[in-house]
Amino acid sequence: MTEPTRTSGPDPLLDEALDWVVRLKAGAPTRADVDALQRWRAQSPDHEEAFRQAARLLRTASAAARELADEKAATAAVVALPSRAARPLTRRIVLGGAIAAAAGYMMIRPPLEMWPSIEELSADYRTGKGEQRKVMLAPDISVELNTQTSLALRSAPNETRVELISGEASVVARRSSSTPLVMLARDGRISALQADFNARCIDGVVSVTCLDGIVTVEQDGRSVQLRKAEQVTYSHAGLQASLPVDAKQVAAWQTGLLIFRDRPLANVVDEVNRYRAGKIIITNAELKRRLVNGTFQVDKLDNFVAQVEQLFGARITSLPGGVVLMS
């Protein structure tokens, strides 16, 4: 019996998913748009997979556009989508090309960063504001995700590899083989065999703290080995020198605490915003520089605004949507 010939036709779900990607990436999405996307993804496993595939196409387009920009080879990027039977250009192909052309130059984030970006939404594991989650990647590897953290699995031969897209994670690796756990974060690489470490990727800056054992951090051809209570930071400016830190303070979030020592209020508010619903915005430059020393409980951050008002005499203005202005 002859097997019937199978043709590859348009994928309506992927078309819809790409529509969502473009709508949220290149438009001006609202909270309602994000909620509608979540409902669309929840309709079936096929919807979820279509969205993930669309997000992967976006990431591929972004990388290709960046490479072309770096090489100054062209002013417009063209990305080859998965090959299909010949047919007229569809909206999906046009949109894919449009994403590729723009993605290397413009990675639009939600207003005030009050909800996740497309990249974060497409992660394999993700936590919302104030949420923490523990994941077993393998029998000898566990990862605890802090608030607003996105982690993606990355396939690699003979290697357990993940990517910290954004947020913060505490990793315990007890590898029985000689193959290390590899965590990618921005343009760097973190690897460990027998170690505990905390990795943080916020606003393009990655910091890695060794809590126990030995951790290797690499970026742009440079590397550093961290031992217990040592931390290194890297960004587009490069890999910095390692420094001694208070490891217990770094990992305090795992016990539900935020500890600040001589930190400007602006930095403290940035951290509190990652846990607390809504958004706190400081409009007074002098107030931003006021130093904070204190320990705050993650589950009681609703009191934070009142504490700042009392300690520093800040003027508080509450707006719809959980936005609070401090002046």
Protein backbone atom coordinates (compact mmCIF):
# COMPACT_ATOMS: atom_id res chain seq x y z
CA MET A 1 0.00 0.00 0.00
CA THR A 2 1.33 3.44 -0.89
CA GLU A 3 1.55 5.98 1.92
CA PRO A 4 -0.56 9.03 1.05
CA THR A 5 1.39 12.14 0.20
CA ARG A 6 1.39 14.67 3.01
CA THR A 7 1.55 18.35 2.31
CA SER A 8 2.49 21.01 4.76
CA GLY A 9 -0.04 23.81 4.88
CA PRO A 10 -0.54 26.98 6.88
CA ASP A 11 -0.71 26.64 10.66
CA PRO A 12 -3.68 28.74 11.85
CA LEU A 13 -2.66 28.55 15.53
CA LEU A 14 0.86 29.73 14.76
CA ASP A 15 -0.62 32.57 12.68
CA GLU A 16 -2.70 33.59 15.69
CA ALA A 17 0.27 33.24 18.04
CA LEU A 18 2.41 35.46 15.82
CA ASP A 19 -0.41 38.00 15.79
CA TRP A 20 -0.25 38.02 19.59
CA VAL A 21 3.53 38.40 19.56
CA VAL A 22 3.39 41.37 17.19
CA ARG A 23 0.48 42.96 19.03
CA LEU A 24 2.23 42.84 22.40
CA LYS A 25 5.76 43.45 21.12
CA ALA A 26 5.34 46.26 18.65
CA GLY A 27 2.18 47.89 19.91
CA ALA A 28 1.12 49.52 23.16
CA PRO A 29 -0.28 46.58 25.15
CA THR A 30 -2.55 47.07 28.12
CA ARG A 31 -3.15 44.86 31.12
CA ALA A 32 -6.30 43.64 29.39
CA ASP A 33 -4.22 42.56 26.36
CA VAL A 34 -1.91 40.49 28.56
CA ASP A 35 -4.87 38.87 30.35
CA ALA A 36 -6.48 38.07 26.99
CA LEU A 37 -3.26 36.43 25.81
CA GLN A 38 -3.14 34.28 28.93
CA ARG A 39 -6.71 33.14 28.30
CA TRP A 40 -5.83 32.34 24.68
CA ARG A 41 -2.82 30.26 25.76
CA ALA A 42 -4.91 28.36 28.32
CA GLN A 43 -7.39 27.08 25.72
CA SER A 44 -5.34 23.96 24.96
CA PRO A 45 -1.80 22.53 24.93
CA ASP A 46 -1.70 23.27 21.19
CA HIS A 47 -2.35 26.95 21.84
CA GLU A 48 0.43 27.02 24.41
CA GLU A 49 2.87 25.27 22.07
CA ALA A 50 1.98 27.65 19.22
CA PHE A 51 2.75 30.62 21.46
CA ARG A 52 6.09 29.15 22.51
CA GLN A 53 6.98 28.51 18.87
CA ALA A 54 6.10 32.11 17.96
CA ALA A 55 8.25 33.35 20.84
CA ARG A 56 11.14 31.16 19.69
CA LEU A 57 10.84 32.67 16.21
CA LEU A 58 11.02 36.10 17.82
CA ARG A 59 14.18 35.19 19.72
CA THR A 60 15.75 33.78 16.55
CA ALA A 61 14.81 36.92 14.65
CA SER A 62 16.27 39.09 17.40
CA ALA A 63 19.59 37.26 17.35
CA ALA A 64 19.82 37.37 13.57
CA ALA A 65 19.01 41.07 13.42
CA ARG A 66 21.61 41.85 16.10
CA GLU A 67 24.27 39.92 14.19
CA LEU A 68 23.49 41.80 11.00
CA ALA A 69 23.58 45.11 12.85
CA ASP A 70 26.93 44.28 14.46
CA GLU A 71 28.42 43.41 11.11
CA LYS A 72 26.82 46.46 9.46
CA ALA A 73 25.96 44.12 6.62
CA ALA A 74 22.49 45.49 5.93
CA THR A 75 19.93 47.99 7.03
CA ALA A 76 17.11 45.45 7.07
CA ALA A 77 17.14 41.93 8.47
CA VAL A 78 15.61 38.92 6.78
CA VAL A 79 14.94 35.73 8.71
CA ALA A 80 14.11 32.39 7.13
CA LEU A 81 11.11 30.86 8.82
CA PRO A 82 10.64 27.06 8.80
CA SER A 83 10.31 25.89 5.20
CA ARG A 84 6.89 24.96 3.91
CA ALA A 85 5.34 24.08 0.60
CA ALA A 86 5.48 26.94 -1.88
CA ARG A 87 2.58 29.36 -1.50
CA PRO A 88 1.88 33.10 -1.63
CA LEU A 89 3.33 35.20 1.18
CA THR A 90 1.15 34.96 4.25
CA ARG A 91 0.69 37.49 7.01
CA ARG A 92 2.79 35.21 9.23
CA ILE A 93 5.81 35.45 6.91
CA VAL A 94 5.42 39.21 6.56
CA LEU A 95 5.11 39.58 10.31
CA GLY A 96 8.11 37.32 10.87
CA GLY A 97 10.21 39.54 8.62
CA ALA A 98 8.95 42.66 10.34
CA ILE A 99 9.90 41.25 13.72
CA ALA A 100 13.36 40.38 12.44
CA ALA A 101 13.91 43.87 11.07
CA ALA A 102 12.91 45.57 14.28
CA ALA A 103 13.87 43.19 17.06
CA GLY A 104 17.60 43.90 16.99
CA TYR A 105 16.99 47.57 17.63
CA MET A 106 13.86 47.79 19.72
CA MET A 107 12.93 45.43 22.54
CA ILE A 108 9.83 47.14 23.91
CA ARG A 109 8.97 46.37 27.53
CA PRO A 110 5.57 46.88 29.15
CA PRO A 111 4.82 50.32 30.58
CA LEU A 112 6.43 50.69 34.04
CA GLU A 113 7.36 46.98 33.68
CA MET A 114 4.14 46.13 35.49
CA TRP A 115 3.66 42.86 33.59
CA PRO A 116 5.96 40.36 31.86
CA SER A 117 7.51 40.82 28.44
CA ILE A 118 7.00 38.34 25.60
CA GLU A 119 10.33 36.68 26.39
CA GLU A 120 9.34 36.19 30.02
CA LEU A 121 5.89 34.88 29.13
CA SER A 122 7.48 32.25 26.86
CA ALA A 123 9.72 30.81 29.61
CA ASP A 124 9.36 27.18 30.67
CA TYR A 125 9.17 28.23 34.32
CA ARG A 126 8.00 31.63 35.52
CA THR A 127 6.94 33.25 38.78
CA GLY A 128 4.74 36.29 39.24
CA LYS A 129 5.10 39.13 41.72
CA GLY A 130 5.64 37.84 45.24
CA GLU A 131 5.67 34.22 44.05
CA GLN A 132 8.48 31.72 44.66
CA ARG A 133 8.79 28.27 43.17
CA LYS A 134 11.15 25.31 43.47
CA VAL A 135 11.94 23.22 40.39
CA MET A 136 13.88 19.95 40.13
CA LEU A 137 15.72 20.11 36.81
CA ALA A 138 17.32 16.72 37.46
CA PRO A 139 17.70 14.41 40.48
CA ASP A 140 20.91 16.25 41.36
CA ILE A 141 19.90 19.81 40.40
CA SER A 142 17.30 21.99 42.08
CA VAL A 143 16.44 25.61 41.35
CA GLU A 144 14.40 27.96 43.50
CA LEU A 145 12.90 30.84 41.56
CA ASN A 146 12.40 34.15 43.29
CA THR A 147 9.69 36.69 42.43
CA GLN A 148 9.24 37.73 38.78
CA THR A 149 11.71 35.18 37.48
CA SER A 150 11.71 33.47 34.09
CA LEU A 151 13.75 30.34 33.38
CA ALA A 152 13.95 28.53 30.03
CA LEU A 153 15.27 25.06 29.24
CA ARG A 154 17.92 25.01 26.53
CA SER A 155 18.79 21.77 24.76
CA ALA A 156 22.47 20.82 24.53
CA PRO A 157 24.15 17.45 23.94
CA ASN A 158 25.34 15.77 27.14
CA GLU A 159 24.62 18.88 29.19
CA THR A 160 21.94 20.26 31.48
CA ARG A 161 21.54 23.83 30.28
CA VAL A 162 19.05 26.52 31.27
CA GLU A 163 18.71 30.23 30.63
CA LEU A 164 17.87 32.79 33.27
CA ILE A 165 15.88 35.21 31.12
CA SER A 166 15.23 37.58 33.99
CA GLY A 167 14.85 37.61 37.75
CA GLU A 168 16.69 35.69 40.43
CA ALA A 169 17.31 32.03 41.15
CA SER A 170 19.12 29.97 43.77
CA VAL A 171 20.71 26.80 42.40
CA VAL A 172 21.88 23.66 44.19
CA ALA A 173 23.99 21.40 41.96
CA ARG A 174 25.22 18.01 43.15
CA ARG A 175 26.33 16.52 39.84
CA SER A 176 27.43 12.90 39.99
CA SER A 177 29.08 13.12 36.55
CA SER A 178 31.82 15.35 35.17
CA THR A 179 29.30 17.37 33.15
CA PRO A 180 28.41 20.63 34.91
CA LEU A 181 25.12 22.42 35.10
CA VAL A 182 25.28 25.41 32.75
CA MET A 183 23.14 28.49 33.28
CA LEU A 184 23.07 31.15 30.58
CA ALA A 185 22.28 34.72 31.59
CA ARG A 186 22.46 37.54 29.04
CA ASP A 187 25.77 37.08 27.23
CA GLY A 188 27.44 35.11 30.00
CA ARG A 189 27.70 31.54 31.20
CA ILE A 190 27.61 30.14 34.74
CA SER A 191 28.70 26.56 35.41
CA ALA A 192 28.94 24.37 38.50
CA LEU A 193 29.37 20.72 39.42
CA GLN A 194 29.12 20.66 43.21
CA ALA A 195 27.99 24.08 44.35
CA ASP A 196 25.22 26.33 45.58
CA PHE A 197 24.92 29.73 43.94
CA ASN A 198 22.55 32.67 43.53
CA ALA A 199 22.13 34.22 40.08
CA ARG A 200 20.38 37.50 39.44
CA CYS A 201 19.59 39.05 36.05
CA ILE A 202 17.90 42.45 36.30
CA ASP A 203 17.96 45.32 33.81
CA GLY A 204 20.83 43.87 31.80
CA VAL A 205 23.10 43.36 34.83
CA VAL A 206 23.93 39.84 36.02
CA SER A 207 25.35 39.11 39.46
CA VAL A 208 26.42 35.65 40.60
CA THR A 209 27.11 34.79 44.25
CA CYS A 210 28.71 31.54 45.33
CA LEU A 211 26.98 30.24 48.45
CA ASP A 212 29.04 27.05 48.66
CA GLY A 213 31.50 25.10 46.51
CA ILE A 214 33.06 26.53 43.33
CA VAL A 215 31.26 28.36 40.51
CA THR A 216 32.77 29.44 37.19
CA VAL A 217 31.46 32.56 35.46
CA GLU A 218 32.42 33.38 31.86
CA GLN A 219 31.70 36.31 29.60
CA ASP A 220 33.25 37.48 26.36
CA GLY A 221 36.31 35.23 26.63
CA ARG A 222 37.03 36.08 30.27
CA SER A 223 36.29 33.86 33.28
CA VAL A 224 36.45 33.94 37.04
CA GLN A 225 36.09 31.21 39.67
CA LEU A 226 34.00 32.03 42.71
CA ARG A 227 34.26 30.41 46.10
CA LYS A 228 31.95 30.69 49.09
CA ALA A 229 30.81 34.26 49.86
CA GLU A 230 32.26 35.71 46.65
CA GLN A 231 30.27 37.59 44.01
CA VAL A 232 30.92 38.76 40.47
CA THR A 233 28.89 41.07 38.25
CA TYR A 234 28.84 41.47 34.48
CA SER A 235 26.95 43.51 31.90
CA HIS A 236 27.62 45.10 28.51
CA ALA A 237 30.55 46.83 30.28
CA GLY A 238 32.23 43.45 30.81
CA LEU A 239 33.05 41.03 33.60
CA GLN A 240 34.01 42.82 36.81
CA ALA A 241 36.43 41.63 39.51
CA SER A 242 34.99 39.32 42.16
CA LEU A 243 34.27 40.75 45.60
CA PRO A 244 33.54 39.30 49.06
CA VAL A 245 29.89 39.61 50.10
CA ASP A 246 27.55 38.62 52.90
CA ALA A 247 26.15 35.42 51.39
CA LYS A 248 23.39 35.19 54.01
CA GLN A 249 22.15 38.64 53.06
CA VAL A 250 22.14 37.74 49.35
CA ALA A 251 20.13 34.57 49.99
CA ALA A 252 17.80 36.11 52.60
CA TRP A 253 14.91 36.14 50.11
CA GLN A 254 14.71 32.36 50.47
CA THR A 255 13.65 32.85 54.09
CA GLY A 256 11.16 35.59 53.21
CA LEU A 257 13.38 38.56 54.10
CA LEU A 258 14.86 41.55 52.28
CA ILE A 259 17.94 42.95 54.03
CA PHE A 260 19.35 46.36 53.10
CA ARG A 261 22.55 47.92 54.44
CA ASP A 262 23.31 51.53 53.49
CA ARG A 263 21.29 51.27 50.29
CA PRO A 264 19.78 54.36 48.61
CA LEU A 265 16.01 54.42 48.87
CA ALA A 266 15.79 54.37 45.06
CA ASN A 267 17.50 50.95 44.99
CA VAL A 268 15.36 49.66 47.84
CA VAL A 269 12.16 50.74 46.05
CA ASP A 270 13.33 49.02 42.86
CA GLU A 271 13.70 45.77 44.81
CA VAL A 272 10.41 46.16 46.70
CA ASN A 273 8.63 46.76 43.37
CA ARG A 274 9.61 43.24 42.32
CA TYR A 275 7.55 41.79 45.18
CA ARG A 276 4.78 44.27 45.84
CA ALA A 277 1.67 44.65 43.66
CA GLY A 278 1.59 47.85 41.63
CA LYS A 279 4.50 50.27 41.24
CA ILE A 280 6.20 52.74 43.59
CA ILE A 281 7.79 55.75 41.86
CA ILE A 282 10.01 58.29 43.66
CA THR A 283 9.72 61.75 42.11
CA ASN A 284 12.09 63.56 44.50
CA ALA A 285 15.83 63.32 43.71
CA GLU A 286 16.90 63.96 47.31
CA LEU A 287 14.52 61.31 48.62
CA LYS A 288 16.00 58.79 46.19
CA ARG A 289 19.43 59.26 47.81
CA ARG A 290 18.31 58.71 51.40
CA LEU A 291 20.05 55.67 52.85
CA VAL A 292 18.13 52.70 54.19
CA ASN A 293 19.22 50.17 56.80
CA GLY A 294 16.62 47.60 57.62
CA THR A 295 15.09 44.19 57.26
CA PHE A 296 11.69 43.79 55.63
CA GLN A 297 9.41 40.77 55.50
CA VAL A 298 8.35 39.90 51.97
CA ASP A 299 4.82 39.03 53.07
CA LYS A 300 4.36 42.41 54.81
CA LEU A 301 5.49 44.82 52.11
CA ASP A 302 2.06 46.45 52.05
CA ASN A 303 3.38 48.39 55.05
CA PHE A 304 6.46 49.62 53.17
CA VAL A 305 4.94 52.84 51.83
CA ALA A 306 3.70 53.86 55.28
CA GLN A 307 7.13 53.10 56.76
CA VAL A 308 8.87 55.34 54.22
CA GLU A 309 6.32 58.07 54.86
CA GLN A 310 6.99 57.87 58.60
CA LEU A 311 10.80 57.54 58.44
CA PHE A 312 11.57 60.17 55.80
CA GLY A 313 8.48 62.38 55.86
CA ALA A 314 7.72 61.49 52.25
CA ARG A 315 4.58 62.79 50.62
CA ILE A 316 2.49 59.90 49.27
CA THR A 317 0.10 60.09 46.32
CA SER A 318 -1.84 56.94 45.43
CA LEU A 319 -3.02 56.50 41.84
CA PRO A 320 -5.21 53.87 40.15
CA GLY A 321 -3.62 50.57 39.28
CA GLY A 322 -1.53 50.36 42.45
CA VAL A 323 0.81 53.17 41.37
CA VAL A 324 2.21 55.17 44.31
CA LEU A 325 4.17 58.42 43.95
CA MET A 326 6.68 59.37 46.65
CA SER A 327 7.94 62.94 46.87
